């Protein structure tokens, strides 16, 4: 059986640790996975601008599967850019915030 190909959008912060855990767990499964990394780190997005978004979009259309790790958002949200390009919806997460008055 061929491996399931998954676009892997690499990020910042805890991303490398999460990636390591995902790969370790994937190795334990009976299905084979092939992860195709796309560097979405803040440094790469700063240096390459929309090229990193282009690469992500191309890979996601090719594999039809994607896994995104945490990323730092500065001026422009790469999450918003890729959602618009791929016509994705937003997943709202319930959260409680406390104002400090």
PDB file of N, CA and C in Angstrom:
ATOM      1  N   UNK A   1       0.834  -1.181   0.000  1.00  0.00           N
ATOM      2  CA  UNK A   1       0.000   0.000   0.000  1.00  0.00           C
ATOM      3  C   UNK A   1       0.882   1.248   0.000  1.00  0.00           C
ATOM      4  N   UNK A   2       0.515   2.214  -0.827  1.00  0.00           N
ATOM      5  CA  UNK A   2       1.263   3.475  -0.878  1.00  0.00           C
ATOM      6  C   UNK A   2       1.052   4.268   0.405  1.00  0.00           C
ATOM      7  N   UNK A   3       2.046   5.071   0.728  1.00  0.00           N
ATOM      8  CA  UNK A   3       1.949   5.929   1.907  1.00  0.00           C
ATOM      9  C   UNK A   3       0.971   7.060   1.641  1.00  0.00           C
ATOM     10  N   UNK A   4       0.296   7.482   2.677  1.00  0.00           N
ATOM     11  CA  UNK A   4      -0.577   8.647   2.600  1.00  0.00           C
ATOM     12  C   UNK A   4       0.321   9.870   2.685  1.00  0.00           C
ATOM     13  N   UNK A   5       0.247  10.706   1.667  1.00  0.00           N
ATOM     14  CA  UNK A   5       1.099  11.902   1.610  1.00  0.00           C
ATOM     15  C   UNK A   5       0.386  13.059   2.304  1.00  0.00           C
ATOM     16  N   UNK A   6       1.094  13.725   3.207  1.00  0.00           N
ATOM     17  CA  UNK A   6       0.521  14.815   3.985  1.00  0.00           C
ATOM     18  C   UNK A   6       1.444  16.022   3.918  1.00  0.00           C
ATOM     19  N   UNK A   7       0.878  17.161   3.519  1.00  0.00           N
ATOM     20  CA  UNK A   7       1.615  18.417   3.576  1.00  0.00           C
ATOM     21  C   UNK A   7       1.785  18.781   5.041  1.00  0.00           C
ATOM     22  N   UNK A   8       2.982  19.139   5.398  1.00  0.00           N
ATOM     23  CA  UNK A   8       3.289  19.459   6.798  1.00  0.00           C
ATOM     24  C   UNK A   8       3.794  20.901   6.857  1.00  0.00           C
ATOM     25  N   UNK A   9       2.940  21.790   7.381  1.00  0.00           N
ATOM     26  CA  UNK A   9       3.281  23.204   7.465  1.00  0.00           C
ATOM     27  C   UNK A   9       4.027  23.449   8.771  1.00  0.00           C
ATOM     28  N   UNK A  10       5.339  23.568   8.651  1.00  0.00           N
ATOM     29  CA  UNK A  10       6.202  23.723   9.821  1.00  0.00           C
ATOM     30  C   UNK A  10       6.097  25.140  10.350  1.00  0.00           C
ATOM     31  N   UNK A  11       6.231  25.295  11.647  1.00  0.00           N
ATOM     32  CA  UNK A  11       6.019  26.611  12.236  1.00  0.00           C
ATOM     33  C   UNK A  11       7.066  27.028  13.235  1.00  0.00           C
ATOM     34  N   UNK A  12       6.582  27.678  14.255  1.00  0.00           N
ATOM     35  CA  UNK A  12       7.438  28.274  15.277  1.00  0.00           C
ATOM     36  C   UNK A  12       7.068  27.714  16.655  1.00  0.00           C
ATOM     37  N   UNK A  13       7.782  28.162  17.653  1.00  0.00           N
ATOM     38  CA  UNK A  13       7.443  27.815  19.042  1.00  0.00           C
ATOM     39  C   UNK A  13       7.499  26.326  19.312  1.00  0.00           C
ATOM     40  N   UNK A  14       6.355  25.762  19.695  1.00  0.00           N
ATOM     41  CA  UNK A  14       6.295  24.340  20.047  1.00  0.00           C
ATOM     42  C   UNK A  14       6.189  23.434  18.820  1.00  0.00           C
ATOM     43  N   UNK A  15       6.164  24.023  17.624  1.00  0.00           N
ATOM     44  CA  UNK A  15       6.020  23.243  16.394  1.00  0.00           C
ATOM     45  C   UNK A  15       6.978  22.078  16.258  1.00  0.00           C
ATOM     46  N   UNK A  16       8.293  22.286  16.455  1.00  0.00           N
ATOM     47  CA  UNK A  16       9.226  21.163  16.318  1.00  0.00           C
ATOM     48  C   UNK A  16       8.945  20.017  17.293  1.00  0.00           C
ATOM     49  N   UNK A  17       8.562  20.332  18.510  1.00  0.00           N
ATOM     50  CA  UNK A  17       8.246  19.279  19.489  1.00  0.00           C
ATOM     51  C   UNK A  17       6.996  18.522  19.075  1.00  0.00           C
ATOM     52  N   UNK A  18       5.985  19.249  18.611  1.00  0.00           N
ATOM     53  CA  UNK A  18       4.755  18.599  18.164  1.00  0.00           C
ATOM     54  C   UNK A  18       5.020  17.716  16.951  1.00  0.00           C
ATOM     55  N   UNK A  19       5.841  18.210  16.041  1.00  0.00           N
ATOM     56  CA  UNK A  19       6.176  17.440  14.839  1.00  0.00           C
ATOM     57  C   UNK A  19       6.852  16.122  15.220  1.00  0.00           C
ATOM     58  N   UNK A  20       7.781  16.204  16.142  1.00  0.00           N
ATOM     59  CA  UNK A  20       8.472  15.002  16.606  1.00  0.00           C
ATOM     60  C   UNK A  20       7.479  13.989  17.183  1.00  0.00           C
ATOM     61  N   UNK A  21       6.533  14.468  17.973  1.00  0.00           N
ATOM     62  CA  UNK A  21       5.521  13.581  18.566  1.00  0.00           C
ATOM     63  C   UNK A  21       4.600  12.987  17.509  1.00  0.00           C
ATOM     64  N   UNK A  22       4.185  13.806  16.542  1.00  0.00           N
ATOM     65  CA  UNK A  22       3.318  13.324  15.462  1.00  0.00           C
ATOM     66  C   UNK A  22       4.024  12.217  14.682  1.00  0.00           C
ATOM     67  N   UNK A  23       5.288  12.437  14.356  1.00  0.00           N
ATOM     68  CA  UNK A  23       6.043  11.431  13.589  1.00  0.00           C
ATOM     69  C   UNK A  23       6.223  10.146  14.398  1.00  0.00           C
ATOM     70  N   UNK A  24       6.477  10.281  15.693  1.00  0.00           N
ATOM     71  CA  UNK A  24       6.650   9.099  16.547  1.00  0.00           C
ATOM     72  C   UNK A  24       5.355   8.283  16.600  1.00  0.00           C
ATOM     73  N   UNK A  25       4.230   8.971  16.726  1.00  0.00           N
ATOM     74  CA  UNK A  25       2.941   8.270  16.768  1.00  0.00           C
ATOM     75  C   UNK A  25       2.603   7.678  15.402  1.00  0.00           C
ATOM     76  N   UNK A  26       2.902   8.387  14.341  1.00  0.00           N
ATOM     77  CA  UNK A  26       2.625   7.879  12.995  1.00  0.00           C
ATOM     78  C   UNK A  26       3.395   6.589  12.720  1.00  0.00           C
ATOM     79  N   UNK A  27       4.596   6.496  13.261  1.00  0.00           N
ATOM     80  CA  UNK A  27       5.410   5.279  13.093  1.00  0.00           C
ATOM     81  C   UNK A  27       4.752   4.069  13.740  1.00  0.00           C
ATOM     82  N   UNK A  28       3.950   4.279  14.745  1.00  0.00           N
ATOM     83  CA  UNK A  28       3.299   3.182  15.477  1.00  0.00           C
ATOM     84  C   UNK A  28       2.033   2.676  14.785  1.00  0.00           C
ATOM     85  N   UNK A  29       1.533   3.428  13.825  1.00  0.00           N
ATOM     86  CA  UNK A  29       0.284   3.062  13.163  1.00  0.00           C
ATOM     87  C   UNK A  29       0.527   2.070  12.035  1.00  0.00           C
ATOM     88  N   UNK A  30      -0.482   1.277  11.703  1.00  0.00           N
ATOM     89  CA  UNK A  30      -0.307   0.302  10.622  1.00  0.00           C
ATOM     90  C   UNK A  30      -0.282   0.935   9.234  1.00  0.00           C
ATOM     91  N   UNK A  31      -0.730   2.172   9.121  1.00  0.00           N
ATOM     92  CA  UNK A  31      -0.724   2.891   7.850  1.00  0.00           C
ATOM     93  C   UNK A  31       0.577   3.651   7.702  1.00  0.00           C
ATOM     94  N   UNK A  32       1.098   3.711   6.491  1.00  0.00           N
ATOM     95  CA  UNK A  32       2.325   4.474   6.241  1.00  0.00           C
ATOM     96  C   UNK A  32       1.984   5.897   5.839  1.00  0.00           C
ATOM     97  N   UNK A  33       2.782   6.836   6.338  1.00  0.00           N
ATOM     98  CA  UNK A  33       2.596   8.248   6.025  1.00  0.00           C
ATOM     99  C   UNK A  33       3.883   8.809   5.444  1.00  0.00           C
ATOM    100  N   UNK A  34       3.725   9.708   4.510  1.00  0.00           N
ATOM    101  CA  UNK A  34       4.857  10.433   3.944  1.00  0.00           C
ATOM    102  C   UNK A  34       4.584  11.924   4.174  1.00  0.00           C
ATOM    103  N   UNK A  35       5.383  12.545   5.018  1.00  0.00           N
ATOM    104  CA  UNK A  35       5.206  13.951   5.353  1.00  0.00           C
ATOM    105  C   UNK A  35       6.046  14.815   4.404  1.00  0.00           C
ATOM    106  N   UNK A  36       5.405  15.795   3.787  1.00  0.00           N
ATOM    107  CA  UNK A  36       6.077  16.700   2.860  1.00  0.00           C
ATOM    108  C   UNK A  36       6.157  18.072   3.515  1.00  0.00           C
ATOM    109  N   UNK A  37       7.304  18.411   4.096  1.00  0.00           N
ATOM    110  CA  UNK A  37       7.416  19.651   4.861  1.00  0.00           C
ATOM    111  C   UNK A  37       7.458  20.908   3.996  1.00  0.00           C
ATOM    112  N   UNK A  38       6.758  21.926   4.482  1.00  0.00           N
ATOM    113  CA  UNK A  38       6.811  23.269   3.907  1.00  0.00           C
ATOM    114  C   UNK A  38       7.154  24.196   5.069  1.00  0.00           C
ATOM    115  N   UNK A  39       8.241  24.910   4.955  1.00  0.00           N
ATOM    116  CA  UNK A  39       8.683  25.786   6.037  1.00  0.00           C
ATOM    117  C   UNK A  39       7.802  27.023   6.107  1.00  0.00           C
ATOM    118  N   UNK A  40       6.998  27.098   7.156  1.00  0.00           N
ATOM    119  CA  UNK A  40       6.114  28.234   7.390  1.00  0.00           C
ATOM    120  C   UNK A  40       6.559  29.024   8.607  1.00  0.00           C
ATOM    121  N   UNK A  41       7.809  28.870   8.978  1.00  0.00           N
ATOM    122  CA  UNK A  41       8.310  29.593  10.149  1.00  0.00           C
ATOM    123  C   UNK A  41       8.265  31.089   9.871  1.00  0.00           C
ATOM    124  N   UNK A  42       8.239  31.850  10.928  1.00  0.00           N
ATOM    125  CA  UNK A  42       8.194  33.311  10.816  1.00  0.00           C
ATOM    126  C   UNK A  42       9.379  33.835  10.007  1.00  0.00           C
ATOM    127  N   UNK A  43      10.560  33.292  10.263  1.00  0.00           N
ATOM    128  CA  UNK A  43      11.763  33.745   9.547  1.00  0.00           C
ATOM    129  C   UNK A  43      11.648  33.502   8.042  1.00  0.00           C
ATOM    130  N   UNK A  44      11.147  32.341   7.650  1.00  0.00           N
ATOM    131  CA  UNK A  44      10.993  32.029   6.229  1.00  0.00           C
ATOM    132  C   UNK A  44       9.929  32.909   5.592  1.00  0.00           C
ATOM    133  N   UNK A  45       8.814  33.103   6.285  1.00  0.00           N
ATOM    134  CA  UNK A  45       7.763  33.957   5.723  1.00  0.00           C
ATOM    135  C   UNK A  45       8.248  35.392   5.584  1.00  0.00           C
ATOM    136  N   UNK A  46       9.059  35.867   6.530  1.00  0.00           N
ATOM    137  CA  UNK A  46       9.628  37.218   6.417  1.00  0.00           C
ATOM    138  C   UNK A  46      10.562  37.316   5.221  1.00  0.00           C
ATOM    139  N   UNK A  47      11.356  36.288   5.007  1.00  0.00           N
ATOM    140  CA  UNK A  47      12.352  36.311   3.927  1.00  0.00           C
ATOM    141  C   UNK A  47      11.742  36.066   2.548  1.00  0.00           C
ATOM    142  N   UNK A  48      10.734  35.195   2.477  1.00  0.00           N
ATOM    143  CA  UNK A  48      10.208  34.776   1.170  1.00  0.00           C
ATOM    144  C   UNK A  48       8.816  35.314   0.856  1.00  0.00           C
ATOM    145  N   UNK A  49       8.204  36.015   1.779  1.00  0.00           N
ATOM    146  CA  UNK A  49       6.896  36.629   1.575  1.00  0.00           C
ATOM    147  C   UNK A  49       5.878  35.589   1.095  1.00  0.00           C
ATOM    148  N   UNK A  50       5.205  35.882  -0.005  1.00  0.00           N
ATOM    149  CA  UNK A  50       4.134  35.007  -0.490  1.00  0.00           C
ATOM    150  C   UNK A  50       4.623  33.682  -1.069  1.00  0.00           C
ATOM    151  N   UNK A  51       5.913  33.541  -1.295  1.00  0.00           N
ATOM    152  CA  UNK A  51       6.430  32.287  -1.845  1.00  0.00           C
ATOM    153  C   UNK A  51       6.099  31.120  -0.913  1.00  0.00           C
ATOM    154  N   UNK A  52       6.212  31.328   0.395  1.00  0.00           N
ATOM    155  CA  UNK A  52       5.905  30.243   1.330  1.00  0.00           C
ATOM    156  C   UNK A  52       4.415  29.893   1.299  1.00  0.00           C
ATOM    157  N   UNK A  53       3.565  30.891   1.075  1.00  0.00           N
ATOM    158  CA  UNK A  53       2.127  30.635   0.944  1.00  0.00           C
ATOM    159  C   UNK A  53       1.859  29.884  -0.361  1.00  0.00           C
ATOM    160  N   UNK A  54       2.533  30.288  -1.437  1.00  0.00           N
ATOM    161  CA  UNK A  54       2.400  29.603  -2.728  1.00  0.00           C
ATOM    162  C   UNK A  54       2.785  28.132  -2.606  1.00  0.00           C
ATOM    163  N   UNK A  55       3.913  27.864  -1.946  1.00  0.00           N
ATOM    164  CA  UNK A  55       4.385  26.476  -1.784  1.00  0.00           C
ATOM    165  C   UNK A  55       3.402  25.649  -0.968  1.00  0.00           C
ATOM    166  N   UNK A  56       2.867  26.251   0.086  1.00  0.00           N
ATOM    167  CA  UNK A  56       1.887  25.546   0.919  1.00  0.00           C
ATOM    168  C   UNK A  56       0.642  25.206   0.111  1.00  0.00           C
ATOM    169  N   UNK A  57       0.137  26.191  -0.613  1.00  0.00           N
ATOM    170  CA  UNK A  57      -1.069  25.969  -1.411  1.00  0.00           C
ATOM    171  C   UNK A  57      -0.843  24.874  -2.450  1.00  0.00           C
ATOM    172  N   UNK A  58       0.275  24.934  -3.156  1.00  0.00           N
ATOM    173  CA  UNK A  58       0.583  23.932  -4.177  1.00  0.00           C
ATOM    174  C   UNK A  58       0.662  22.531  -3.574  1.00  0.00           C
ATOM    175  N   UNK A  59       1.364  22.415  -2.455  1.00  0.00           N
ATOM    176  CA  UNK A  59       1.509  21.110  -1.810  1.00  0.00           C
ATOM    177  C   UNK A  59       0.174  20.591  -1.285  1.00  0.00           C
ATOM    178  N   UNK A  60      -0.633  21.483  -0.709  1.00  0.00           N
ATOM    179  CA  UNK A  60      -1.932  21.062  -0.180  1.00  0.00           C
ATOM    180  C   UNK A  60      -2.863  20.584  -1.293  1.00  0.00           C
ATOM    181  N   UNK A  61      -2.836  21.252  -2.436  1.00  0.00           N
ATOM    182  CA  UNK A  61      -3.655  20.802  -3.568  1.00  0.00           C
ATOM    183  C   UNK A  61      -3.153  19.454  -4.084  1.00  0.00           C
ATOM    184  N   UNK A  62      -1.853  19.256  -4.034  1.00  0.00           N
ATOM    185  CA  UNK A  62      -1.264  18.008  -4.513  1.00  0.00           C
ATOM    186  C   UNK A  62      -1.589  16.836  -3.579  1.00  0.00           C
ATOM    187  N   UNK A  63      -1.386  17.009  -2.286  1.00  0.00           N
ATOM    188  CA  UNK A  63      -1.567  15.900  -1.350  1.00  0.00           C
ATOM    189  C   UNK A  63      -3.013  15.711  -0.905  1.00  0.00           C
ATOM    190  N   UNK A  64      -3.766  16.801  -0.886  1.00  0.00           N
ATOM    191  CA  UNK A  64      -5.154  16.808  -0.413  1.00  0.00           C
ATOM    192  C   UNK A  64      -5.272  16.626   1.094  1.00  0.00           C
ATOM    193  N   UNK A  65      -4.145  16.593   1.779  1.00  0.00           N
ATOM    194  CA  UNK A  65      -4.086  16.482   3.237  1.00  0.00           C
ATOM    195  C   UNK A  65      -3.059  17.474   3.747  1.00  0.00           C
ATOM    196  N   UNK A  66      -3.327  18.049   4.933  1.00  0.00           N
ATOM    197  CA  UNK A  66      -2.351  18.976   5.512  1.00  0.00           C
ATOM    198  C   UNK A  66      -2.413  18.935   7.027  1.00  0.00           C
ATOM    199  N   UNK A  67      -1.272  19.194   7.603  1.00  0.00           N
ATOM    200  CA  UNK A  67      -1.117  19.287   9.053  1.00  0.00           C
ATOM    201  C   UNK A  67      -0.328  20.558   9.315  1.00  0.00           C
ATOM    202  N   UNK A  68      -0.911  21.463  10.109  1.00  0.00           N
ATOM    203  CA  UNK A  68      -0.254  22.739  10.373  1.00  0.00           C
ATOM    204  C   UNK A  68       0.107  22.828  11.845  1.00  0.00           C
ATOM    205  N   UNK A  69       1.346  23.177  12.081  1.00  0.00           N
ATOM    206  CA  UNK A  69       1.820  23.365  13.445  1.00  0.00           C
ATOM    207  C   UNK A  69       1.671  24.833  13.838  1.00  0.00           C
ATOM    208  N   UNK A  70       1.819  25.153  15.135  1.00  0.00           N
ATOM    209  CA  UNK A  70       1.689  26.555  15.563  1.00  0.00           C
ATOM    210  C   UNK A  70       2.675  27.461  14.825  1.00  0.00           C
ATOM    211  N   UNK A  71       2.178  28.641  14.481  1.00  0.00           N
ATOM    212  CA  UNK A  71       3.013  29.629  13.801  1.00  0.00           C
ATOM    213  C   UNK A  71       2.838  30.978  14.472  1.00  0.00           C
ATOM    214  N   UNK A  72       3.861  31.788  14.375  1.00  0.00           N
ATOM    215  CA  UNK A  72       3.790  33.164  14.881  1.00  0.00           C
ATOM    216  C   UNK A  72       3.124  34.024  13.816  1.00  0.00           C
ATOM    217  N   UNK A  73       2.219  34.890  14.259  1.00  0.00           N
ATOM    218  CA  UNK A  73       1.568  35.820  13.345  1.00  0.00           C
ATOM    219  C   UNK A  73       2.031  37.221  13.669  1.00  0.00           C
ATOM    220  N   UNK A  74       2.558  37.885  12.669  1.00  0.00           N
ATOM    221  CA  UNK A  74       3.018  39.265  12.851  1.00  0.00           C
ATOM    222  C   UNK A  74       2.020  40.192  12.176  1.00  0.00           C
ATOM    223  N   UNK A  75       2.374  40.756  11.050  1.00  0.00           N
ATOM    224  CA  UNK A  75       1.508  41.727  10.375  1.00  0.00           C
ATOM    225  C   UNK A  75       0.358  41.052   9.621  1.00  0.00           C
ATOM    226  N   UNK A  76       0.657  39.975   8.901  1.00  0.00           N
ATOM    227  CA  UNK A  76      -0.348  39.300   8.077  1.00  0.00           C
ATOM    228  C   UNK A  76      -0.451  37.844   8.530  1.00  0.00           C
ATOM    229  N   UNK A  77      -1.663  37.378   8.708  1.00  0.00           N
ATOM    230  CA  UNK A  77      -1.881  36.005   9.143  1.00  0.00           C
ATOM    231  C   UNK A  77      -1.766  35.033   7.973  1.00  0.00           C
ATOM    232  N   UNK A  78      -0.780  34.122   8.001  1.00  0.00           N
ATOM    233  CA  UNK A  78      -0.693  33.125   6.938  1.00  0.00           C
ATOM    234  C   UNK A  78      -1.896  32.193   6.969  1.00  0.00           C
ATOM    235  N   UNK A  79      -2.475  32.001   8.149  1.00  0.00           N
ATOM    236  CA  UNK A  79      -3.685  31.171   8.240  1.00  0.00           C
ATOM    237  C   UNK A  79      -4.805  31.786   7.413  1.00  0.00           C
ATOM    238  N   UNK A  80      -5.001  33.103   7.546  1.00  0.00           N
ATOM    239  CA  UNK A  80      -6.046  33.781   6.787  1.00  0.00           C
ATOM    240  C   UNK A  80      -5.760  33.717   5.285  1.00  0.00           C
ATOM    241  N   UNK A  81      -4.511  33.895   4.908  1.00  0.00           N
ATOM    242  CA  UNK A  81      -4.153  33.853   3.483  1.00  0.00           C
ATOM    243  C   UNK A  81      -4.463  32.490   2.871  1.00  0.00           C
ATOM    244  N   UNK A  82      -4.057  31.415   3.562  1.00  0.00           N
ATOM    245  CA  UNK A  82      -4.266  30.079   2.990  1.00  0.00           C
ATOM    246  C   UNK A  82      -5.749  29.720   3.013  1.00  0.00           C
ATOM    247  N   UNK A  83      -6.483  30.185   4.029  1.00  0.00           N
ATOM    248  CA  UNK A  83      -7.933  29.938   4.062  1.00  0.00           C
ATOM    249  C   UNK A  83      -8.614  30.570   2.853  1.00  0.00           C
ATOM    250  N   UNK A  84      -8.250  31.805   2.541  1.00  0.00           N
ATOM    251  CA  UNK A  84      -8.863  32.490   1.396  1.00  0.00           C
ATOM    252  C   UNK A  84      -8.512  31.788   0.081  1.00  0.00           C
ATOM    253  N   UNK A  85      -7.253  31.429  -0.080  1.00  0.00           N
ATOM    254  CA  UNK A  85      -6.822  30.789  -1.331  1.00  0.00           C
ATOM    255  C   UNK A  85      -7.501  29.445  -1.552  1.00  0.00           C
ATOM    256  N   UNK A  86      -7.709  28.705  -0.467  1.00  0.00           N
ATOM    257  CA  UNK A  86      -8.277  27.359  -0.584  1.00  0.00           C
ATOM    258  C   UNK A  86      -9.788  27.328  -0.312  1.00  0.00           C
ATOM    259  N   UNK A  87     -10.359  28.508  -0.063  1.00  0.00           N
ATOM    260  CA  UNK A  87     -11.789  28.620   0.213  1.00  0.00           C
ATOM    261  C   UNK A  87     -12.196  27.800   1.439  1.00  0.00           C
ATOM    262  N   UNK A  88     -11.383  27.854   2.472  1.00  0.00           N
ATOM    263  CA  UNK A  88     -11.673  27.164   3.725  1.00  0.00           C
ATOM    264  C   UNK A  88     -12.514  28.052   4.620  1.00  0.00           C
ATOM    265  N   UNK A  89     -13.192  27.437   5.553  1.00  0.00           N
ATOM    266  CA  UNK A  89     -13.913  28.173   6.585  1.00  0.00           C
ATOM    267  C   UNK A  89     -13.018  28.356   7.799  1.00  0.00           C
ATOM    268  N   UNK A  90     -13.529  29.055   8.750  1.00  0.00           N
ATOM    269  CA  UNK A  90     -12.801  29.290   9.995  1.00  0.00           C
ATOM    270  C   UNK A  90     -13.357  28.353  11.054  1.00  0.00           C
ATOM    271  N   UNK A  91     -12.478  27.762  11.822  1.00  0.00           N
ATOM    272  CA  UNK A  91     -12.902  26.947  12.957  1.00  0.00           C
ATOM    273  C   UNK A  91     -12.834  27.840  14.184  1.00  0.00           C
ATOM    274  N   UNK A  92     -13.983  28.124  14.728  1.00  0.00           N
ATOM    275  CA  UNK A  92     -14.016  28.963  15.928  1.00  0.00           C
ATOM    276  C   UNK A  92     -13.810  28.089  17.146  1.00  0.00           C
ATOM    277  N   UNK A  93     -12.924  28.524  18.003  1.00  0.00           N
ATOM    278  CA  UNK A  93     -12.639  27.782  19.224  1.00  0.00           C
ATOM    279  C   UNK A  93     -13.264  28.530  20.398  1.00  0.00           C
ATOM    280  N   UNK A  94     -14.069  27.823  21.184  1.00  0.00           N
ATOM    281  CA  UNK A  94     -14.641  28.521  22.340  1.00  0.00           C
ATOM    282  C   UNK A  94     -13.539  28.909  23.319  1.00  0.00           C
ATOM    283  N   UNK A  95     -13.620  30.116  23.803  1.00  0.00           N
ATOM    284  CA  UNK A  95     -12.604  30.590  24.733  1.00  0.00           C
ATOM    285  C   UNK A  95     -13.242  31.600  25.689  1.00  0.00           C
ATOM    286  N   UNK A  96     -12.698  31.643  26.836  1.00  0.00           N
ATOM    287  CA  UNK A  96     -13.120  32.627  27.838  1.00  0.00           C
ATOM    288  C   UNK A  96     -11.937  33.515  28.117  1.00  0.00           C
ATOM    289  N   UNK A  97     -12.164  34.798  28.010  1.00  0.00           N
ATOM    290  CA  UNK A  97     -11.089  35.724  28.371  1.00  0.00           C
ATOM    291  C   UNK A  97     -11.587  36.612  29.495  1.00  0.00           C
ATOM    292  N   UNK A  98     -10.692  36.975  30.327  1.00  0.00           N
ATOM    293  CA  UNK A  98     -11.044  37.826  31.453  1.00  0.00           C
ATOM    294  C   UNK A  98     -10.421  39.193  31.243  1.00  0.00           C
ATOM    295  N   UNK A  99     -11.269  40.202  31.329  1.00  0.00           N
ATOM    296  CA  UNK A  99     -10.723  41.551  31.190  1.00  0.00           C
ATOM    297  C   UNK A  99     -10.129  41.963  32.528  1.00  0.00           C
ATOM    298  N   UNK A 100      -9.084  42.734  32.427  1.00  0.00           N
ATOM    299  CA  UNK A 100      -8.421  43.217  33.640  1.00  0.00           C
ATOM    300  C   UNK A 100      -8.822  44.667  33.848  1.00  0.00           C
ATOM    301  N   UNK A 101      -9.786  44.867  34.689  1.00  0.00           N
ATOM    302  CA  UNK A 101     -10.278  46.232  34.923  1.00  0.00           C
ATOM    303  C   UNK A 101      -9.645  46.842  36.163  1.00  0.00           C
TER     304      UNK A 101
END
